[in-house]
Amino acid sequence: MTSSSSSPDSPLHEGAPDARRPSRGRLTLAAIVAAVLVAVVAFSAGWLAAPRTATPTDTGVEAGFARDMQTHHDQAVQMALIIREQSDDPAIRSLAYDIATSQAQQSGQMYAWLNAWGLPQASSQPEMTWMLQPTLDGSDGHAHGGSSSAPDGTAGAGGAGSGTAPMVPGEPMPGMATSADLDRLSGLTGVEAETLFLQLMIAHHQGGVEMAQAALARTTNPLVTALAKAIVFAQSGEIQYMQELLAARS
């Protein structure tokens, strides 16, 4: 169902805040988004004055991450736009707005990287092939994910995702919803739609964090590491918030 606060010409238009439901989780999420924006601006200012690194190659970690994470982010935007049509709940709609706007912006950022590097947007390799490359500490890359993250979003010491299933290039990326999932989400409304959205987006964010950690374990490129750290930080916070929203609907 479509909320009256949303304009048909602007699917991401924000309605008036709901005075009935002040939310600590919502305030925390807003603080996370603000912190990430400040960090990105600060990094950009420093990067402009820093020595340039080598241009990434077509089959390198940096290009693979940029291509695959664009695809991953684009599905998150798709799911966020769907739930904004299927739910009137202000907390869900506001969360979806934040996800759609932030991940669309990050997708554009990665698209621009590939253009600046003189690389094609499409890869000559199957998805996630870059995640097979060895980590910086020399450990084996033949598993999902990268190293475990420290509280600040940096790669931890765990290497190439110990304890996770072996990764096969060309298989669906971590956390991706199926076409059937998306069709089902589009056919539900109200609490049922919200519950499925939260379940799908929690899994999706967990996959995004896994991919960002894999990049952090495999590159020192300052553009890539800054964005990957921001993804780990923001999406980990959003996962916690979504788990609270999901518990409230149980």
Foldseek 3Di string as FASTA:
>chain_A
DAAPQADPVHLLRAGDDDPVDDDPLVVVLVVLVVVLVVLVVVLVVVVVVDDADDQDDQLALLLLLLLQLLVLLVVLLVLLSLQNGFEPDNVSVVLSSVSNVVSVVSNVVSVVSCVVSVHDSDHPWFHPPNQQDFFPVRDGSQFFFAADADLQQAHDDRGRPPPGHGDDGNPDQFLDDDPVLSVVLNVHHYLVNLLSSLVSLLRSLVSLLRSLNSSNRHDPRSVSVSVSSSSNSSSVSVSVSSVVVNVVSD
